[in-house]
Amino acid sequence: MTNIPLTEITEPAVTCSTCAACCCQLEVMLITETGVPERFIDTDDWGGEVMLRLDDGWCAALDRNTMMCTIYEKRPLICREFEMGDVECLNERQGIATVYR
């Protein structure tokens, strides 16, 4: 049996069709004005504006059937900067994978 070094194991590429919307379970602070509709805004314990998350823990702007953002063009700055397939994205995907094992 041959052991494969961890550095040689590759994750499948994250694409629009393989995105699990893991980032949509993170707390999203609204630090700039992007036009997020009021119905998707909540206030955190410290009085800051954040994206509303529903009882299931997912962002209220996430369409549960398609797992796509319903306000994509008006999404918060932090969502715009969170790049699909980037290190942070892969870390969140790994975290979700271990929760559901």
PDB file of N, CA and C in Angstrom:
ATOM      1  N   MET A   1       0.847  -1.183   0.000  1.00  0.00           N
ATOM      2  CA  MET A   1       0.000   0.000   0.000  1.00  0.00           C
ATOM      3  C   MET A   1       0.883   1.234   0.000  1.00  0.00           C
ATOM      4  N   THR A   2       0.573   2.178  -0.872  1.00  0.00           N
ATOM      5  CA  THR A   2       1.349   3.401  -0.995  1.00  0.00           C
ATOM      6  C   THR A   2       0.616   4.535  -0.321  1.00  0.00           C
ATOM      7  N   ASN A   3       1.328   5.258   0.514  1.00  0.00           N
ATOM      8  CA  ASN A   3       0.753   6.438   1.154  1.00  0.00           C
ATOM      9  C   ASN A   3       0.960   7.646   0.257  1.00  0.00           C
ATOM     10  N   ILE A   4      -0.112   8.404   0.058  1.00  0.00           N
ATOM     11  CA  ILE A   4      -0.031   9.627  -0.739  1.00  0.00           C
ATOM     12  C   ILE A   4       0.144  10.792   0.215  1.00  0.00           C
ATOM     13  N   PRO A   5       1.221  11.585   0.018  1.00  0.00           N
ATOM     14  CA  PRO A   5       1.413  12.752   0.894  1.00  0.00           C
ATOM     15  C   PRO A   5       0.214  13.697   0.807  1.00  0.00           C
ATOM     16  N   LEU A   6      -0.142  14.290   1.942  1.00  0.00           N
ATOM     17  CA  LEU A   6      -1.280  15.213   1.988  1.00  0.00           C
ATOM     18  C   LEU A   6      -1.145  16.345   0.987  1.00  0.00           C
ATOM     19  N   THR A   7       0.081  16.762   0.696  1.00  0.00           N
ATOM     20  CA  THR A   7       0.280  17.872  -0.240  1.00  0.00           C
ATOM     21  C   THR A   7      -0.120  17.492  -1.654  1.00  0.00           C
ATOM     22  N   GLU A   8      -0.250  16.183  -1.942  1.00  0.00           N
ATOM     23  CA  GLU A   8      -0.607  15.747  -3.287  1.00  0.00           C
ATOM     24  C   GLU A   8      -2.096  15.470  -3.444  1.00  0.00           C
ATOM     25  N   ILE A   9      -2.842  15.485  -2.350  1.00  0.00           N
ATOM     26  CA  ILE A   9      -4.280  15.271  -2.428  1.00  0.00           C
ATOM     27  C   ILE A   9      -4.930  16.594  -2.791  1.00  0.00           C
ATOM     28  N   THR A  10      -5.685  16.594  -3.873  1.00  0.00           N
ATOM     29  CA  THR A  10      -6.295  17.843  -4.318  1.00  0.00           C
ATOM     30  C   THR A  10      -7.799  17.801  -4.105  1.00  0.00           C
ATOM     31  N   GLU A  11      -8.335  18.949  -3.739  1.00  0.00           N
ATOM     32  CA  GLU A  11      -9.772  19.110  -3.578  1.00  0.00           C
ATOM     33  C   GLU A  11     -10.368  19.333  -4.973  1.00  0.00           C
ATOM     34  N   PRO A  12     -11.580  18.850  -5.213  1.00  0.00           N
ATOM     35  CA  PRO A  12     -12.220  19.174  -6.490  1.00  0.00           C
ATOM     36  C   PRO A  12     -12.450  20.686  -6.566  1.00  0.00           C
ATOM     37  N   ALA A  13     -12.379  21.215  -7.757  1.00  0.00           N
ATOM     38  CA  ALA A  13     -12.549  22.656  -7.942  1.00  0.00           C
ATOM     39  C   ALA A  13     -13.952  23.084  -7.524  1.00  0.00           C
ATOM     40  N   VAL A  14     -14.022  24.245  -6.897  1.00  0.00           N
ATOM     41  CA  VAL A  14     -15.309  24.807  -6.513  1.00  0.00           C
ATOM     42  C   VAL A  14     -15.791  25.667  -7.678  1.00  0.00           C
ATOM     43  N   THR A  15     -16.973  25.373  -8.154  1.00  0.00           N
ATOM     44  CA  THR A  15     -17.565  26.126  -9.253  1.00  0.00           C
ATOM     45  C   THR A  15     -18.986  26.523  -8.852  1.00  0.00           C
ATOM     46  N   CYS A  16     -19.647  27.293  -9.677  1.00  0.00           N
ATOM     47  CA  CYS A  16     -21.034  27.671  -9.385  1.00  0.00           C
ATOM     48  C   CYS A  16     -21.910  26.431  -9.211  1.00  0.00           C
ATOM     49  N   SER A  17     -21.615  25.372  -9.955  1.00  0.00           N
ATOM     50  CA  SER A  17     -22.454  24.178  -9.871  1.00  0.00           C
ATOM     51  C   SER A  17     -22.091  23.276  -8.696  1.00  0.00           C
ATOM     52  N   THR A  18     -20.909  23.485  -8.079  1.00  0.00           N
ATOM     53  CA  THR A  18     -20.526  22.664  -6.930  1.00  0.00           C
ATOM     54  C   THR A  18     -20.452  23.456  -5.632  1.00  0.00           C
ATOM     55  N   CYS A  19     -20.829  24.726  -5.675  1.00  0.00           N
ATOM     56  CA  CYS A  19     -20.803  25.562  -4.474  1.00  0.00           C
ATOM     57  C   CYS A  19     -21.849  25.077  -3.479  1.00  0.00           C
ATOM     58  N   ALA A  20     -21.458  24.961  -2.223  1.00  0.00           N
ATOM     59  CA  ALA A  20     -22.395  24.525  -1.187  1.00  0.00           C
ATOM     60  C   ALA A  20     -22.904  25.703  -0.359  1.00  0.00           C
ATOM     61  N   ALA A  21     -22.574  26.914  -0.767  1.00  0.00           N
ATOM     62  CA  ALA A  21     -23.002  28.135  -0.081  1.00  0.00           C
ATOM     63  C   ALA A  21     -22.642  28.120   1.399  1.00  0.00           C
ATOM     64  N   CYS A  22     -21.508  27.515   1.734  1.00  0.00           N
ATOM     65  CA  CYS A  22     -21.069  27.435   3.130  1.00  0.00           C
ATOM     66  C   CYS A  22     -20.920  28.814   3.757  1.00  0.00           C
ATOM     67  N   CYS A  23     -20.477  29.777   2.969  1.00  0.00           N
ATOM     68  CA  CYS A  23     -20.270  31.118   3.489  1.00  0.00           C
ATOM     69  C   CYS A  23     -21.586  31.769   3.916  1.00  0.00           C
ATOM     70  N   CYS A  24     -22.697  31.256   3.437  1.00  0.00           N
ATOM     71  CA  CYS A  24     -24.006  31.822   3.769  1.00  0.00           C
ATOM     72  C   CYS A  24     -24.470  31.446   5.169  1.00  0.00           C
ATOM     73  N   GLN A  25     -23.630  30.739   5.911  1.00  0.00           N
ATOM     74  CA  GLN A  25     -23.934  30.450   7.311  1.00  0.00           C
ATOM     75  C   GLN A  25     -23.076  31.304   8.245  1.00  0.00           C
ATOM     76  N   LEU A  26     -22.195  32.109   7.682  1.00  0.00           N
ATOM     77  CA  LEU A  26     -21.337  32.983   8.484  1.00  0.00           C
ATOM     78  C   LEU A  26     -22.066  34.270   8.840  1.00  0.00           C
ATOM     79  N   GLU A  27     -21.673  34.879   9.959  1.00  0.00           N
ATOM     80  CA  GLU A  27     -22.244  36.185  10.309  1.00  0.00           C
ATOM     81  C   GLU A  27     -21.662  37.227   9.363  1.00  0.00           C
ATOM     82  N   VAL A  28     -22.517  38.021   8.760  1.00  0.00           N
ATOM     83  CA  VAL A  28     -22.095  39.031   7.795  1.00  0.00           C
ATOM     84  C   VAL A  28     -22.446  40.405   8.327  1.00  0.00           C
ATOM     85  N   MET A  29     -21.410  41.160   8.674  1.00  0.00           N
ATOM     86  CA  MET A  29     -21.619  42.535   9.139  1.00  0.00           C
ATOM     87  C   MET A  29     -21.779  43.453   7.934  1.00  0.00           C
ATOM     88  N   LEU A  30     -22.690  44.394   8.060  1.00  0.00           N
ATOM     89  CA  LEU A  30     -22.913  45.372   6.997  1.00  0.00           C
ATOM     90  C   LEU A  30     -22.108  46.619   7.336  1.00  0.00           C
ATOM     91  N   ILE A  31     -20.975  46.772   6.669  1.00  0.00           N
ATOM     92  CA  ILE A  31     -20.072  47.878   6.985  1.00  0.00           C
ATOM     93  C   ILE A  31     -20.067  48.962   5.917  1.00  0.00           C
ATOM     94  N   THR A  32     -20.723  48.687   4.800  1.00  0.00           N
ATOM     95  CA  THR A  32     -20.862  49.690   3.748  1.00  0.00           C
ATOM     96  C   THR A  32     -22.290  49.636   3.223  1.00  0.00           C
ATOM     97  N   GLU A  33     -22.713  50.684   2.561  1.00  0.00           N
ATOM     98  CA  GLU A  33     -24.057  50.738   1.984  1.00  0.00           C
ATOM     99  C   GLU A  33     -24.026  50.087   0.609  1.00  0.00           C
ATOM    100  N   THR A  34     -24.736  48.975   0.462  1.00  0.00           N
ATOM    101  CA  THR A  34     -24.808  48.307  -0.836  1.00  0.00           C
ATOM    102  C   THR A  34     -26.226  48.198  -1.345  1.00  0.00           C
ATOM    103  N   GLY A  35     -27.171  48.653  -0.559  1.00  0.00           N
ATOM    104  CA  GLY A  35     -28.558  48.586  -0.975  1.00  0.00           C
ATOM    105  C   GLY A  35     -29.263  47.308  -0.558  1.00  0.00           C
ATOM    106  N   VAL A  36     -28.726  46.614   0.452  1.00  0.00           N
ATOM    107  CA  VAL A  36     -29.377  45.406   0.952  1.00  0.00           C
ATOM    108  C   VAL A  36     -30.780  45.787   1.422  1.00  0.00           C
ATOM    109  N   PRO A  37     -31.811  45.105   0.928  1.00  0.00           N
ATOM    110  CA  PRO A  37     -33.175  45.420   1.363  1.00  0.00           C
ATOM    111  C   PRO A  37     -33.329  45.242   2.878  1.00  0.00           C
ATOM    112  N   GLU A  38     -34.092  46.138   3.488  1.00  0.00           N
ATOM    113  CA  GLU A  38     -34.291  46.148   4.948  1.00  0.00           C
ATOM    114  C   GLU A  38     -34.755  44.810   5.499  1.00  0.00           C
ATOM    115  N   ARG A  39     -35.554  44.065   4.742  1.00  0.00           N
ATOM    116  CA  ARG A  39     -36.092  42.792   5.245  1.00  0.00           C
ATOM    117  C   ARG A  39     -35.009  41.743   5.485  1.00  0.00           C
ATOM    118  N   PHE A  40     -33.801  41.989   4.973  1.00  0.00           N
ATOM    119  CA  PHE A  40     -32.694  41.059   5.161  1.00  0.00           C
ATOM    120  C   PHE A  40     -31.688  41.548   6.203  1.00  0.00           C
ATOM    121  N   ILE A  41     -31.996  42.656   6.888  1.00  0.00           N
ATOM    122  CA  ILE A  41     -31.061  43.247   7.851  1.00  0.00           C
ATOM    123  C   ILE A  41     -31.538  42.985   9.275  1.00  0.00           C
ATOM    124  N   ASP A  42     -30.597  42.627  10.128  1.00  0.00           N
ATOM    125  CA  ASP A  42     -30.856  42.376  11.543  1.00  0.00           C
ATOM    126  C   ASP A  42     -29.859  43.212  12.341  1.00  0.00           C
ATOM    127  N   THR A  43     -30.037  43.277  13.641  1.00  0.00           N
ATOM    128  CA  THR A  43     -29.109  43.983  14.517  1.00  0.00           C
ATOM    129  C   THR A  43     -28.486  42.968  15.459  1.00  0.00           C
ATOM    130  N   ASP A  44     -27.156  43.015  15.592  1.00  0.00           N
ATOM    131  CA  ASP A  44     -26.482  42.065  16.485  1.00  0.00           C
ATOM    132  C   ASP A  44     -26.541  42.551  17.932  1.00  0.00           C
ATOM    133  N   ASP A  45     -25.963  41.777  18.832  1.00  0.00           N
ATOM    134  CA  ASP A  45     -26.013  42.096  20.264  1.00  0.00           C
ATOM    135  C   ASP A  45     -25.331  43.417  20.616  1.00  0.00           C
ATOM    136  N   TRP A  46     -24.479  43.923  19.743  1.00  0.00           N
ATOM    137  CA  TRP A  46     -23.738  45.158  20.014  1.00  0.00           C
ATOM    138  C   TRP A  46     -24.312  46.347  19.253  1.00  0.00           C
ATOM    139  N   GLY A  47     -25.446  46.131  18.570  1.00  0.00           N
ATOM    140  CA  GLY A  47     -26.095  47.224  17.859  1.00  0.00           C
ATOM    141  C   GLY A  47     -25.666  47.400  16.418  1.00  0.00           C
ATOM    142  N   GLY A  48     -24.799  46.532  15.932  1.00  0.00           N
ATOM    143  CA  GLY A  48     -24.353  46.618  14.542  1.00  0.00           C
ATOM    144  C   GLY A  48     -25.323  45.947  13.595  1.00  0.00           C
ATOM    145  N   GLU A  49     -25.328  46.410  12.356  1.00  0.00           N
ATOM    146  CA  GLU A  49     -26.188  45.796  11.353  1.00  0.00           C
ATOM    147  C   GLU A  49     -25.515  44.570  10.758  1.00  0.00           C
ATOM    148  N   VAL A  50     -26.273  43.490  10.658  1.00  0.00           N
ATOM    149  CA  VAL A  50     -25.788  42.239  10.091  1.00  0.00           C
ATOM    150  C   VAL A  50     -26.869  41.686   9.164  1.00  0.00           C
ATOM    151  N   MET A  51     -26.467  40.757   8.323  1.00  0.00           N
ATOM    152  CA  MET A  51     -27.448  40.069   7.491  1.00  0.00           C
ATOM    153  C   MET A  51     -28.294  39.172   8.385  1.00  0.00           C
ATOM    154  N   LEU A  52     -29.586  39.193   8.169  1.00  0.00           N
ATOM    155  CA  LEU A  52     -30.517  38.357   8.919  1.00  0.00           C
ATOM    156  C   LEU A  52     -30.279  36.898   8.573  1.00  0.00           C
ATOM    157  N   ARG A  53     -30.227  36.063   9.598  1.00  0.00           N
ATOM    158  CA  ARG A  53     -30.161  34.621   9.388  1.00  0.00           C
ATOM    159  C   ARG A  53     -31.428  34.012   9.964  1.00  0.00           C
ATOM    160  N   LEU A  54     -31.975  33.055   9.273  1.00  0.00           N
ATOM    161  CA  LEU A  54     -33.208  32.420   9.709  1.00  0.00           C
ATOM    162  C   LEU A  54     -32.913  31.335  10.742  1.00  0.00           C
ATOM    163  N   ASP A  55     -33.938  30.711  11.265  1.00  0.00           N
ATOM    164  CA  ASP A  55     -33.784  29.705  12.313  1.00  0.00           C
ATOM    165  C   ASP A  55     -32.885  28.549  11.912  1.00  0.00           C
ATOM    166  N   ASP A  56     -32.762  28.282  10.607  1.00  0.00           N
ATOM    167  CA  ASP A  56     -31.910  27.189  10.148  1.00  0.00           C
ATOM    168  C   ASP A  56     -30.435  27.578  10.090  1.00  0.00           C
ATOM    169  N   GLY A  57     -30.124  28.860  10.405  1.00  0.00           N
ATOM    170  CA  GLY A  57     -28.741  29.320  10.424  1.00  0.00           C
ATOM    171  C   GLY A  57     -28.248  29.902   9.116  1.00  0.00           C
ATOM    172  N   TRP A  58     -29.003  29.750   8.049  1.00  0.00           N
ATOM    173  CA  TRP A  58     -28.603  30.269   6.741  1.00  0.00           C
ATOM    174  C   TRP A  58     -29.061  31.712   6.581  1.00  0.00           C
ATOM    175  N   CYS A  59     -28.350  32.446   5.753  1.00  0.00           N
ATOM    176  CA  CYS A  59     -28.697  33.825   5.424  1.00  0.00           C
ATOM    177  C   CYS A  59     -30.109  33.879   4.857  1.00  0.00           C
ATOM    178  N   ALA A  60     -30.869  34.893   5.276  1.00  0.00           N
ATOM    179  CA  ALA A  60     -32.251  35.046   4.819  1.00  0.00           C
ATOM    180  C   ALA A  60     -32.332  35.342   3.320  1.00  0.00           C
ATOM    181  N   ALA A  61     -31.255  35.838   2.723  1.00  0.00           N
ATOM    182  CA  ALA A  61     -31.260  36.164   1.296  1.00  0.00           C
ATOM    183  C   ALA A  61     -30.920  34.963   0.416  1.00  0.00           C
ATOM    184  N   LEU A  62     -30.616  33.832   1.038  1.00  0.00           N
ATOM    185  CA  LEU A  62     -30.265  32.634   0.280  1.00  0.00           C
ATOM    186  C   LEU A  62     -31.518  31.878  -0.133  1.00  0.00           C
ATOM    187  N   ASP A  63     -31.656  31.620  -1.420  1.00  0.00           N
ATOM    188  CA  ASP A  63     -32.758  30.802  -1.921  1.00  0.00           C
ATOM    189  C   ASP A  63     -32.440  29.348  -1.580  1.00  0.00           C
ATOM    190  N   ARG A  64     -33.234  28.736  -0.739  1.00  0.00           N
ATOM    191  CA  ARG A  64     -32.960  27.375  -0.256  1.00  0.00           C
ATOM    192  C   ARG A  64     -33.086  26.320  -1.351  1.00  0.00           C
ATOM    193  N   ASN A  65     -33.814  26.608  -2.414  1.00  0.00           N
ATOM    194  CA  ASN A  65     -33.969  25.632  -3.502  1.00  0.00           C
ATOM    195  C   ASN A  65     -32.780  25.625  -4.443  1.00  0.00           C
ATOM    196  N   THR A  66     -32.252  26.805  -4.751  1.00  0.00           N
ATOM    197  CA  THR A  66     -31.135  26.895  -5.701  1.00  0.00           C
ATOM    198  C   THR A  66     -29.792  27.076  -5.006  1.00  0.00           C
ATOM    199  N   MET A  67     -29.832  27.431  -3.701  1.00  0.00           N
ATOM    200  CA  MET A  67     -28.630  27.762  -2.934  1.00  0.00           C
ATOM    201  C   MET A  67     -27.872  28.933  -3.572  1.00  0.00           C
ATOM    202  N   MET A  68     -28.631  29.864  -4.137  1.00  0.00           N
ATOM    203  CA  MET A  68     -28.052  31.062  -4.743  1.00  0.00           C
ATOM    204  C   MET A  68     -28.601  32.298  -4.036  1.00  0.00           C
ATOM    205  N   CYS A  69     -27.810  33.358  -4.045  1.00  0.00           N
ATOM    206  CA  CYS A  69     -28.185  34.607  -3.400  1.00  0.00           C
ATOM    207  C   CYS A  69     -29.281  35.309  -4.196  1.00  0.00           C
ATOM    208  N   THR A  70     -30.336  35.710  -3.489  1.00  0.00           N
ATOM    209  CA  THR A  70     -31.443  36.395  -4.153  1.00  0.00           C
ATOM    210  C   THR A  70     -31.187  37.891  -4.313  1.00  0.00           C
ATOM    211  N   ILE A  71     -30.127  38.396  -3.666  1.00  0.00           N
ATOM    212  CA  ILE A  71     -29.791  39.826  -3.772  1.00  0.00           C
ATOM    213  C   ILE A  71     -28.357  39.986  -4.270  1.00  0.00           C
ATOM    214  N   TYR A  72     -27.924  39.107  -5.136  1.00  0.00           N
ATOM    215  CA  TYR A  72     -26.534  39.047  -5.578  1.00  0.00           C
ATOM    216  C   TYR A  72     -25.983  40.412  -5.996  1.00  0.00           C
ATOM    217  N   GLU A  73     -26.730  41.164  -6.751  1.00  0.00           N
ATOM    218  CA  GLU A  73     -26.256  42.475  -7.224  1.00  0.00           C
ATOM    219  C   GLU A  73     -26.152  43.494  -6.092  1.00  0.00           C
ATOM    220  N   LYS A  74     -26.849  43.251  -4.976  1.00  0.00           N
ATOM    221  CA  LYS A  74     -26.830  44.179  -3.840  1.00  0.00           C
ATOM    222  C   LYS A  74     -26.247  43.523  -2.597  1.00  0.00           C
ATOM    223  N   ARG A  75     -25.495  42.449  -2.776  1.00  0.00           N
ATOM    224  CA  ARG A  75     -24.938  41.726  -1.635  1.00  0.00           C
ATOM    225  C   ARG A  75     -23.919  42.590  -0.899  1.00  0.00           C
ATOM    226  N   PRO A  76     -23.722  42.325   0.397  1.00  0.00           N
ATOM    227  CA  PRO A  76     -22.788  43.116   1.203  1.00  0.00           C
ATOM    228  C   PRO A  76     -21.345  43.008   0.700  1.00  0.00           C
ATOM    229  N   LEU A  77     -20.555  43.990   1.081  1.00  0.00           N
ATOM    230  CA  LEU A  77     -19.152  44.049   0.674  1.00  0.00           C
ATOM    231  C   LEU A  77     -18.403  42.770   1.044  1.00  0.00           C
ATOM    232  N   ILE A  78     -18.592  42.276   2.258  1.00  0.00           N
ATOM    233  CA  ILE A  78     -17.856  41.089   2.687  1.00  0.00           C
ATOM    234  C   ILE A  78     -18.201  39.882   1.808  1.00  0.00           C
ATOM    235  N   CYS A  79     -19.440  39.811   1.339  1.00  0.00           N
ATOM    236  CA  CYS A  79     -19.843  38.725   0.436  1.00  0.00           C
ATOM    237  C   CYS A  79     -19.165  38.894  -0.928  1.00  0.00           C
ATOM    238  N   ARG A  80     -18.990  40.132  -1.345  1.00  0.00           N
ATOM    239  CA  ARG A  80     -18.314  40.408  -2.623  1.00  0.00           C
ATOM    240  C   ARG A  80     -16.833  40.028  -2.556  1.00  0.00           C
ATOM    241  N   GLU A  81     -16.250  40.196  -1.363  1.00  0.00           N
ATOM    242  CA  GLU A  81     -14.818  39.918  -1.209  1.00  0.00           C
ATOM    243  C   GLU A  81     -14.522  38.451  -0.904  1.00  0.00           C
ATOM    244  N   PHE A  82     -15.522  37.689  -0.482  1.00  0.00           N
ATOM    245  CA  PHE A  82     -15.351  36.276  -0.170  1.00  0.00           C
ATOM    246  C   PHE A  82     -15.372  35.519  -1.493  1.00  0.00           C
ATOM    247  N   GLU A  83     -14.194  35.102  -1.959  1.00  0.00           N
ATOM    248  CA  GLU A  83     -14.088  34.512  -3.283  1.00  0.00           C
ATOM    249  C   GLU A  83     -14.303  33.008  -3.289  1.00  0.00           C
ATOM    250  N   MET A  84     -15.133  32.560  -4.207  1.00  0.00           N
ATOM    251  CA  MET A  84     -15.395  31.146  -4.372  1.00  0.00           C
ATOM    252  C   MET A  84     -14.086  30.417  -4.707  1.00  0.00           C
ATOM    253  N   GLY A  85     -13.790  29.366  -3.940  1.00  0.00           N
ATOM    254  CA  GLY A  85     -12.599  28.560  -4.182  1.00  0.00           C
ATOM    255  C   GLY A  85     -11.342  29.089  -3.529  1.00  0.00           C
ATOM    256  N   ASP A  86     -11.418  30.260  -2.870  1.00  0.00           N
ATOM    257  CA  ASP A  86     -10.269  30.837  -2.178  1.00  0.00           C
ATOM    258  C   ASP A  86     -10.030  30.065  -0.874  1.00  0.00           C
ATOM    259  N   VAL A  87      -8.952  30.353  -0.184  1.00  0.00           N
ATOM    260  CA  VAL A  87      -8.590  29.654   1.042  1.00  0.00           C
ATOM    261  C   VAL A  87      -9.721  29.696   2.070  1.00  0.00           C
ATOM    262  N   GLU A  88     -10.325  30.879   2.283  1.00  0.00           N
ATOM    263  CA  GLU A  88     -11.405  30.996   3.257  1.00  0.00           C
ATOM    264  C   GLU A  88     -12.600  30.128   2.859  1.00  0.00           C
ATOM    265  N   CYS A  89     -12.919  30.112   1.591  1.00  0.00           N
ATOM    266  CA  CYS A  89     -14.016  29.302   1.072  1.00  0.00           C
ATOM    267  C   CYS A  89     -13.738  27.821   1.328  1.00  0.00           C
ATOM    268  N   LEU A  90     -12.550  27.365   0.994  1.00  0.00           N
ATOM    269  CA  LEU A  90     -12.201  25.960   1.188  1.00  0.00           C
ATOM    270  C   LEU A  90     -12.210  25.582   2.661  1.00  0.00           C
ATOM    271  N   ASN A  91     -11.773  26.501   3.531  1.00  0.00           N
ATOM    272  CA  ASN A  91     -11.811  26.239   4.975  1.00  0.00           C
ATOM    273  C   ASN A  91     -13.245  26.076   5.463  1.00  0.00           C
ATOM    274  N   GLU A  92     -14.149  26.928   4.997  1.00  0.00           N
ATOM    275  CA  GLU A  92     -15.549  26.821   5.390  1.00  0.00           C
ATOM    276  C   GLU A  92     -16.169  25.528   4.871  1.00  0.00           C
ATOM    277  N   ARG A  93     -15.833  25.143   3.639  1.00  0.00           N
ATOM    278  CA  ARG A  93     -16.344  23.887   3.080  1.00  0.00           C
ATOM    279  C   ARG A  93     -15.864  22.703   3.906  1.00  0.00           C
ATOM    280  N   GLN A  94     -14.612  22.750   4.328  1.00  0.00           N
ATOM    281  CA  GLN A  94     -14.059  21.674   5.152  1.00  0.00           C
ATOM    282  C   GLN A  94     -14.786  21.610   6.490  1.00  0.00           C
ATOM    283  N   GLY A  95     -15.064  22.777   7.073  1.00  0.00           N
ATOM    284  CA  GLY A  95     -15.768  22.825   8.349  1.00  0.00           C
ATOM    285  C   GLY A  95     -17.170  22.248   8.245  1.00  0.00           C
ATOM    286  N   ILE A  96     -17.874  22.577   7.177  1.00  0.00           N
ATOM    287  CA  ILE A  96     -19.220  22.045   6.965  1.00  0.00           C
ATOM    288  C   ILE A  96     -19.155  20.532   6.757  1.00  0.00           C
ATOM    289  N   ALA A  97     -18.164  20.081   6.014  1.00  0.00           N
ATOM    290  CA  ALA A  97     -18.034  18.634   5.722  1.00  0.00           C
ATOM    291  C   ALA A  97     -17.829  17.848   7.003  1.00  0.00           C
ATOM    292  N   THR A  98     -17.065  18.388   7.957  1.00  0.00           N
ATOM    293  CA  THR A  98     -16.823  17.644   9.191  1.00  0.00           C
ATOM    294  C   THR A  98     -18.042  17.667  10.098  1.00  0.00           C
ATOM    295  N   VAL A  99     -18.866  18.694  10.007  1.00  0.00           N
ATOM    296  CA  VAL A  99     -20.078  18.779  10.830  1.00  0.00           C
ATOM    297  C   VAL A  99     -21.075  17.709  10.406  1.00  0.00           C
ATOM    298  N   TYR A 100     -21.166  17.452   9.098  1.00  0.00           N
ATOM    299  CA  TYR A 100     -22.191  16.536   8.580  1.00  0.00           C
ATOM    300  C   TYR A 100     -21.690  15.114   8.365  1.00  0.00           C
ATOM    301  N   ARG A 101     -20.530  14.769   8.880  1.00  0.00           N
ATOM    302  CA  ARG A 101     -20.023  13.390   8.753  1.00  0.00           C
ATOM    303  C   ARG A 101     -20.647  12.496   9.756  1.00  0.00           C
TER     304      ARG A 101
END
